[in-house]
Protein backbone atom coordinates (compact mmCIF):
# COMPACT_ATOMS: atom_id res chain seq x y z
CA MET A 1 5.06 -23.43 -7.82
CA ARG A 2 1.36 -22.70 -7.50
CA LEU A 3 -0.33 -19.41 -6.60
CA LEU A 4 -3.42 -20.33 -4.63
CA PRO A 5 -6.17 -18.20 -3.11
CA ILE A 6 -5.91 -18.74 0.62
CA SER A 7 -9.40 -20.29 0.53
CA MET A 8 -7.95 -23.16 -1.55
CA CYS A 9 -4.92 -23.75 0.68
CA ARG A 10 -5.01 -26.78 2.94
CA PRO A 11 -3.07 -27.95 6.01
CA GLY A 12 0.04 -29.88 4.99
CA MET A 13 0.87 -27.65 2.02
CA LYS A 14 4.28 -25.94 2.10
CA LEU A 15 5.04 -22.28 1.44
CA GLY A 16 6.95 -21.41 -1.74
CA LYS A 17 7.77 -17.85 -0.67
CA SER A 18 8.24 -16.25 2.74
CA ILE A 19 5.54 -14.13 4.41
CA TYR A 20 6.59 -10.87 6.08
CA ASN A 21 4.94 -8.70 8.71
CA GLU A 22 4.61 -4.94 8.42
CA GLU A 23 8.05 -4.38 9.99
CA GLY A 24 9.68 -6.52 7.29
CA THR A 25 10.32 -9.45 9.65
CA VAL A 26 9.70 -12.96 8.33
CA LEU A 27 6.46 -14.34 9.75
CA LEU A 28 6.60 -17.66 7.92
CA ALA A 29 9.61 -18.89 5.95
CA VAL A 30 9.84 -20.88 2.73
CA ASN A 31 9.08 -24.61 3.23
CA VAL A 32 6.98 -24.04 6.35
CA GLU A 33 4.15 -26.56 6.48
CA LEU A 34 0.79 -24.88 6.82
CA THR A 35 -1.67 -25.75 9.57
CA GLN A 36 -5.32 -24.77 9.96
CA ARG A 37 -4.31 -22.30 12.67
CA LEU A 38 -1.65 -20.67 10.46
CA LEU A 39 -4.09 -20.39 7.55
CA GLY A 40 -6.62 -18.74 9.83
CA ARG A 41 -4.06 -16.22 11.05
CA LEU A 42 -2.88 -15.38 7.52
CA ASN A 43 -6.48 -14.84 6.47
CA GLU A 44 -6.96 -12.47 9.41
CA PHE A 45 -3.84 -10.57 8.30
CA GLY A 46 -5.45 -9.95 4.90
CA ILE A 47 -3.22 -12.27 2.86
CA ASP A 48 -5.24 -13.17 -0.27
CA TYR A 49 -2.86 -15.60 -2.00
CA LEU A 50 -0.01 -17.93 -1.08
CA HIS A 51 2.79 -19.38 -3.19
CA ILE A 52 2.67 -23.14 -2.62
CA LEU A 53 5.37 -25.71 -3.42
CA ASP A 54 4.19 -28.56 -5.64
CA SER A 55 6.30 -31.22 -7.36
CA ARG A 56 4.12 -31.16 -10.48
CA THR A 57 4.64 -27.43 -10.95
CA GLU A 58 8.15 -26.93 -9.58
CA ASP A 59 9.36 -25.67 -12.98
CA ILE A 60 6.90 -22.75 -12.89
CA VAL A 61 8.87 -19.86 -11.41
CA VAL A 62 6.81 -16.85 -10.37
CA GLU A 63 9.21 -13.94 -10.75
CA GLU A 64 8.31 -10.48 -9.50
CA ILE A 65 9.28 -7.38 -11.49
CA VAL A 66 10.22 -5.81 -8.14
CA SER A 67 12.34 -7.93 -5.81
CA GLU A 68 10.97 -9.28 -2.56
CA SER A 69 13.42 -7.15 -0.57
CA THR A 70 12.36 -3.98 -2.42
CA ARG A 71 8.68 -4.71 -1.82
CA VAL A 72 9.22 -5.30 1.89
CA ARG A 73 11.35 -2.16 2.18
CA GLY A 74 8.72 -0.16 0.26
CA VAL A 75 5.79 -1.19 2.43
CA THR A 76 7.85 -0.67 5.59
CA GLU A 77 8.92 2.88 4.62
CA ILE A 78 5.42 3.85 3.50
CA ARG A 79 4.00 2.54 6.76
CA SER A 80 6.59 4.38 8.88
CA THR A 81 6.03 7.72 7.14
CA PHE A 82 2.25 7.50 6.91
CA ARG A 83 1.91 6.56 10.56
CA LYS A 84 4.08 9.48 11.57
CA LEU A 85 1.77 11.76 9.61
CA MET A 86 -1.28 10.16 11.21
CA GLU A 87 0.11 11.08 14.61
CA ASP A 88 0.15 14.71 13.46
CA SER A 89 -3.35 14.58 12.01
CA ASN A 90 -4.41 17.75 13.83
CA ARG A 91 -1.69 19.80 12.12
CA ARG A 92 -2.75 19.70 8.47
CA GLY A 93 -0.04 21.16 6.28
CA ALA A 94 1.64 22.83 9.23
CA ILE A 95 4.62 20.54 9.57
CA HIS A 96 7.32 19.40 7.15
CA TYR A 97 9.23 16.12 7.18
CA TYR A 98 12.52 17.01 5.60
CA ASP A 99 13.61 13.40 5.02
CA LEU A 100 10.39 12.47 3.22
CA GLY A 101 11.63 13.42 -0.24
CA ARG A 102 15.09 11.95 0.23
CA LYS A 103 13.79 8.67 1.64
CA PHE A 104 11.27 8.11 -1.14
CA ARG A 105 13.59 9.20 -3.94
CA GLU A 106 16.06 6.53 -2.78
CA LEU A 107 13.25 3.96 -2.73
CA MET A 108 12.03 5.04 -6.18
CA SER A 109 15.54 4.72 -7.60
CA THR A 110 15.62 1.07 -6.48
CA ILE A 111 12.12 0.41 -7.85
CA ILE A 112 13.05 1.90 -11.23
CA ASP A 113 16.22 -0.23 -11.35
CA ASP A 114 14.23 -3.39 -10.52
CA ILE A 115 11.53 -2.71 -13.11
CA SER A 116 14.05 -1.71 -15.79
CA GLY A 117 15.55 -5.18 -15.49
CA HIS A 118 12.14 -6.71 -16.34
CA SER A 119 10.92 -4.25 -18.95
CA ASP A 120 9.41 -7.02 -21.12
CA ALA A 121 7.61 -8.75 -18.25
CA MET A 122 3.93 -8.62 -17.48
CA VAL A 123 2.85 -7.32 -14.07
CA MET A 124 1.43 -9.90 -11.66
CA LEU A 125 0.52 -8.18 -8.41
CA THR A 126 -1.69 -9.73 -5.77
CA ASN A 127 -1.98 -9.14 -2.04
CA ILE A 128 0.73 -11.62 -1.13
CA ASN A 129 3.87 -11.99 1.00
CA VAL A 130 3.39 -8.90 3.19
CA SER A 131 0.88 -8.71 6.02
CA ASP A 132 -0.10 -5.06 6.28
CA SER A 133 -2.74 -2.37 5.98
CA TYR A 134 -4.49 -1.92 2.63
CA LEU A 135 -3.32 1.71 2.44
CA PHE A 136 0.38 0.85 2.56
CA GLN A 137 0.23 -2.14 0.20
CA HIS A 138 -2.02 -0.26 -2.22
CA SER A 139 0.36 2.71 -2.37
CA LEU A 140 3.26 0.47 -3.38
CA ASN A 141 1.16 -1.49 -5.91
CA VAL A 142 0.02 1.71 -7.63
CA CYS A 143 3.63 2.88 -7.77
CA ILE A 144 4.84 -0.37 -9.36
CA TYR A 145 2.04 -0.44 -11.94
CA SER A 146 2.51 3.24 -12.83
CA THR A 147 6.30 3.02 -13.11
CA MET A 148 6.06 -0.04 -15.37
CA LEU A 149 3.57 1.76 -17.61
CA GLY A 150 5.73 4.89 -17.67
CA LEU A 151 8.75 2.83 -18.68
CA SER A 152 6.77 1.20 -21.50
CA PHE A 153 5.50 4.62 -22.58
CA GLY A 154 9.07 5.87 -22.93
CA TYR A 155 9.43 8.32 -20.06
CA SER A 156 12.94 9.37 -19.04
CA ARG A 157 14.37 8.29 -15.69
CA GLU A 158 13.62 11.69 -14.12
CA GLU A 159 10.05 11.54 -15.45
CA LEU A 160 9.74 8.03 -14.02
CA MET A 161 11.01 9.39 -10.70
CA THR A 162 8.31 12.06 -10.65
CA LEU A 163 5.55 9.72 -11.82
CA GLY A 164 6.64 7.08 -9.30
CA LEU A 165 6.76 9.53 -6.40
CA GLY A 166 3.31 10.82 -7.33
CA ALA A 167 2.01 7.25 -7.42
CA LEU A 168 3.76 6.16 -4.23
CA LEU A 169 2.36 9.15 -2.33
CA HIS A 170 -0.97 9.62 -4.12
CA ASP A 171 -2.95 8.59 -1.02
CA ILE A 172 -0.79 10.34 1.57
CA GLY A 173 -3.69 12.70 2.30
CA LYS A 174 -5.57 9.77 3.87
CA THR A 175 -3.27 10.16 6.85
CA LYS A 176 -5.39 13.24 7.70
CA ILE A 177 -8.71 11.39 7.48
CA PRO A 178 -10.23 10.32 10.83
CA TYR A 179 -9.39 6.68 11.46
CA ASP A 180 -13.01 5.67 12.08
CA ILE A 181 -13.86 6.82 8.54
CA LEU A 182 -10.75 5.31 6.97
CA SER A 183 -11.37 1.89 8.53
CA LYS A 184 -15.18 1.82 8.43
CA PRO A 185 -16.27 -1.73 7.41
CA LYS A 186 -19.40 -0.61 5.55
CA GLN A 187 -20.62 2.11 3.23
CA LEU A 188 -19.78 5.67 4.26
CA THR A 189 -22.51 8.20 4.94
CA PRO A 190 -22.71 11.16 2.51
CA GLN A 191 -20.98 13.36 5.10
CA GLU A 192 -18.24 10.78 5.69
CA PHE A 193 -17.70 10.38 1.96
CA GLU A 194 -17.30 14.13 1.56
CA GLU A 195 -14.58 14.06 4.22
CA MET A 196 -12.92 11.07 2.54
CA LYS A 197 -12.83 13.00 -0.74
CA ASN A 198 -10.76 15.67 1.01
CA HIS A 199 -7.77 13.31 1.04
CA ALA A 200 -6.80 14.54 -2.45
CA THR A 201 -6.57 18.13 -1.22
CA TYR A 202 -4.82 17.10 1.99
CA GLY A 203 -2.25 15.17 -0.04
CA PHE A 204 -1.46 18.21 -2.16
CA GLN A 205 -1.08 20.36 0.96
CA ILE A 206 1.33 17.87 2.52
CA LEU A 207 3.52 17.46 -0.57
CA LYS A 208 3.56 20.83 -2.35
CA ASP A 209 6.31 22.42 -0.26
CA GLU A 210 8.30 19.32 0.65
CA PRO A 211 12.00 19.41 -0.37
CA ASN A 212 12.90 16.83 -3.06
CA ILE A 213 9.23 16.21 -3.92
CA PRO A 214 8.45 17.63 -7.41
CA LEU A 215 5.39 19.87 -7.53
CA ILE A 216 3.98 17.63 -10.26
CA ALA A 217 4.02 14.72 -7.79
CA ALA A 218 1.96 16.86 -5.40
CA HIS A 219 -0.50 17.51 -8.23
CA CYS A 220 -0.75 13.75 -8.79
CA ALA A 221 -2.07 13.42 -5.23
CA PHE A 222 -4.42 16.36 -5.94
CA GLN A 223 -5.73 15.03 -9.27
CA HIS A 224 -5.77 11.22 -9.11
CA HIS A 225 -9.56 11.15 -8.61
CA GLU A 226 -10.26 13.59 -11.45
CA ARG A 227 -11.78 12.03 -14.58
CA ILE A 228 -11.46 13.13 -18.20
CA ASN A 229 -15.19 13.89 -18.52
CA GLY A 230 -15.08 16.21 -15.50
CA SER A 231 -16.98 13.84 -13.18
CA GLY A 232 -14.14 13.43 -10.68
CA TYR A 233 -13.05 15.37 -7.61
CA PRO A 234 -11.99 17.60 -5.89
CA ARG A 235 -12.23 20.26 -8.66
CA GLY A 236 -14.09 18.52 -11.47
CA ILE A 237 -11.40 19.38 -14.03
CA GLU A 238 -11.36 17.46 -17.31
CA GLY A 239 -9.30 16.28 -20.27
CA THR A 240 -5.84 17.79 -20.55
CA GLU A 241 -6.46 19.95 -17.48
CA ILE A 242 -5.52 16.77 -15.62
CA HIS A 243 -1.78 16.09 -15.74
CA ASP A 244 -0.86 13.03 -17.78
CA PHE A 245 0.87 11.44 -14.77
CA ALA A 246 -2.30 11.84 -12.67
CA ARG A 247 -4.35 10.19 -15.42
CA TRP A 248 -2.03 7.15 -15.36
CA ILE A 249 -2.24 7.00 -11.57
CA GLY A 250 -6.03 7.43 -11.52
CA LEU A 251 -6.42 4.45 -13.86
CA VAL A 252 -4.06 2.22 -11.88
CA ASP A 253 -5.50 3.33 -8.54
CA SER A 254 -8.96 2.21 -9.67
CA TYR A 255 -7.71 -1.16 -10.91
CA ASP A 256 -5.75 -2.01 -7.77
CA ALA A 257 -8.63 -0.95 -5.52
CA MET A 258 -10.99 -3.24 -7.44
CA THR A 259 -8.66 -6.27 -7.31
CA THR A 260 -7.73 -6.00 -3.61
CA THR A 261 -9.68 -7.28 -0.62
CA ARG A 262 -11.32 -4.46 1.33
CA VAL A 263 -12.99 -4.55 4.73
CA TYR A 264 -16.39 -4.03 3.07
CA ARG A 265 -16.12 -6.27 -0.05
CA ASN A 266 -14.28 -9.12 -1.76
CA PRO A 267 -11.87 -8.39 -4.62
CA MET A 268 -12.72 -8.62 -8.31
CA LEU A 269 -10.75 -11.00 -10.50
CA PRO A 270 -8.24 -9.17 -12.72
CA HIS A 271 -10.20 -9.71 -15.94
CA GLN A 272 -13.37 -8.39 -14.28
CA ALA A 273 -11.60 -5.23 -13.14
CA MET A 274 -10.20 -4.76 -16.65
CA GLU A 275 -13.70 -5.02 -18.11
CA GLN A 276 -14.83 -2.40 -15.60
CA LEU A 277 -12.06 -0.04 -16.71
CA PHE A 278 -13.05 -0.47 -20.36
CA THR A 279 -16.62 0.61 -19.55
CA GLY A 280 -15.08 3.97 -18.60
CA SER A 281 -12.91 4.19 -21.73
CA GLY A 282 -13.08 7.67 -23.24
CA THR A 283 -15.20 9.05 -20.42
CA LEU A 284 -13.38 8.30 -17.16
CA TYR A 285 -10.01 7.11 -18.48
CA ASP A 286 -7.91 7.58 -21.63
CA GLN A 287 -8.59 4.79 -24.10
CA HIS A 288 -4.93 4.38 -25.14
CA LYS A 289 -3.84 4.19 -21.50
CA ILE A 290 -6.29 1.37 -20.77
CA ALA A 291 -5.11 -0.48 -23.89
CA MET A 292 -1.47 -0.22 -22.81
CA PHE A 293 -2.35 -1.26 -19.27
CA ARG A 294 -4.23 -4.31 -20.57
CA ASP A 295 -1.17 -5.39 -22.56
CA LYS A 296 1.13 -5.14 -19.50
CA ILE A 297 -1.08 -6.88 -16.95
CA ALA A 298 -1.13 -10.64 -16.43
CA ILE A 299 -4.90 -11.09 -16.27
CA TYR A 300 -4.24 -14.70 -15.26
CA PRO A 301 -1.05 -14.79 -13.11
CA LEU A 302 1.39 -17.69 -13.35
CA GLY A 303 0.50 -20.53 -11.02
CA MET A 304 -3.17 -19.46 -10.69
CA PRO A 305 -5.66 -22.38 -10.64
CA VAL A 306 -8.31 -22.36 -13.38
CA THR A 307 -11.16 -24.53 -14.64
CA LEU A 308 -11.87 -24.97 -18.36
CA ASN A 309 -15.20 -25.45 -20.12
CA THR A 310 -14.08 -29.02 -20.83
CA GLY A 311 -14.28 -29.70 -17.09
CA GLU A 312 -10.50 -30.06 -16.83
CA ARG A 313 -8.66 -28.21 -14.06
CA GLY A 314 -5.12 -26.92 -13.94
CA ILE A 315 -2.93 -23.89 -13.43
CA ILE A 316 -1.55 -21.12 -15.61
CA SER A 317 1.89 -22.34 -16.70
CA HIS A 318 2.88 -19.79 -19.39
CA LEU A 319 1.71 -16.36 -20.53
CA ASN A 320 1.10 -15.49 -24.17
CA MET A 321 2.36 -11.92 -24.41
CA SER A 322 0.42 -11.17 -27.62
CA VAL A 323 -2.88 -12.52 -26.26
CA PRO A 324 -2.79 -12.22 -22.44
CA HIS A 325 -6.34 -13.54 -22.07
CA ARG A 326 -5.36 -16.84 -23.77
CA PRO A 327 -2.57 -18.35 -21.62
CA VAL A 328 -1.15 -21.87 -21.51
CA VAL A 329 -2.82 -24.10 -18.89
CA ARG A 330 -1.18 -27.16 -17.34
CA ILE A 331 -3.95 -29.70 -16.78
CA LEU A 332 -3.70 -31.42 -13.39
CA GLN A 333 -7.20 -32.95 -13.14
CA ASP A 334 -9.34 -34.52 -15.83
CA GLU A 335 -13.00 -33.69 -16.44
CA ALA A 336 -14.02 -36.25 -13.80
CA GLY A 337 -11.89 -34.52 -11.17
CA GLN A 338 -9.25 -37.24 -11.09
CA GLU A 339 -5.64 -36.19 -10.46
CA LEU A 340 -3.44 -36.88 -13.48
CA LYS A 341 -0.20 -38.83 -13.10
CA SER A 342 1.12 -37.15 -16.26
CA PRO A 343 -0.08 -33.54 -16.52
CA TYR A 344 -0.26 -32.02 -20.00
CA GLU A 345 -0.58 -28.48 -21.34
CA VAL A 346 -3.27 -26.74 -23.38
CA ASP A 347 -2.37 -23.53 -25.25
CA LEU A 348 -5.58 -21.51 -25.32
CA SER A 349 -4.19 -19.23 -28.03
CA SER A 350 -4.48 -22.14 -30.48
CA ARG A 351 -7.50 -23.90 -28.91
CA LEU A 352 -10.08 -21.17 -29.39
CA SER A 353 -13.04 -23.36 -28.44
CA VAL A 354 -11.56 -23.97 -24.97
CA LEU A 355 -12.50 -21.32 -22.42
CA ILE A 356 -11.57 -20.50 -18.82
CA THR A 357 -14.78 -20.75 -16.81
CA ALA A 358 -13.41 -20.33 -13.29
CA VAL A 359 -10.37 -18.81 -11.60
CA GLY A 360 -9.58 -20.22 -8.17
CA GLU A 361 -13.03 -21.03 -6.79
CA LYS A 362 -14.81 -18.24 -8.68
CA THR A 363 -16.94 -19.03 -11.72
CA ILE A 364 -16.72 -16.84 -14.83
CA HIS A 365 -20.17 -16.62 -16.35
CA GLY A 366 -19.92 -17.29 -20.08
CA GLY A 367 -16.20 -18.12 -19.88
CA ILE A 368 -13.23 -16.38 -21.43
């Protein structure tokens, strides 16, 4: 199976995994043959990548650490709750949703169970399989990343529950932001940005008195934009004044925002976003948290097409857990661009002179 950017997908290719709409209904099923019209519609829906069936890569199985059914359920429940809150946007903090805590604790329990069954896996999240708003997909992604990191860090199940709830609901305050600001396709004005920054405070106000939502989870919503050097918002607190859970979530929130398509910019490649995080090591984010995150993230996801400095092209076929930036590449085209009848593999962990110079259609200057 191949994982292709939608820009590289062509009519006649067949889907390797189903695509769902925001209600959890299958839009396109496995084995559906893509047409130009379908590709155009998927692009409009904000789908960045597609799993594509391919006889030369059928042995490459792209497993998710959270099941497809859990992901669809997660996005659907986030969407339902957030939209209900958006309808009450004129009643900030004045209304309680007594099933909010129960509903999301049940979801978190399933997410923890799924991730616990893949505790040694590396996370490979891209905007795939579910057509939906950035806010809903992003909330679930941040939850999955944070819960995986918490599990690796050794948190108890109840601590994972609190961390996960804080991550899942960290952006709930955006339901109180005017829609024209939330969906603006270009840079916000200073006044609009100040209002956008209020979402951290709004989130705390929504969550702090909700039954079954730990107060720490509310503080995660309050603090996820704080930074350890005091440069964040809304209060400019620093260091250990910021709860440890909020520091995990702030790191993950930044990474997922950078690697996801937004209405006003294209996404960064995973390795580029990781480099950006490291520039803030010790000032914006905890150094040891970034290091752990780097070791748990598949910088080059399985099935992703790459180009090498030799001119050869292929896809990521295996991950090297000890050196994530040096995966195994299955070569499908030679340096002249000719398709190979007998693909072969190059292990970059033992071929140090061979570098990845492009991922998908994007060139990496200097190579990695």
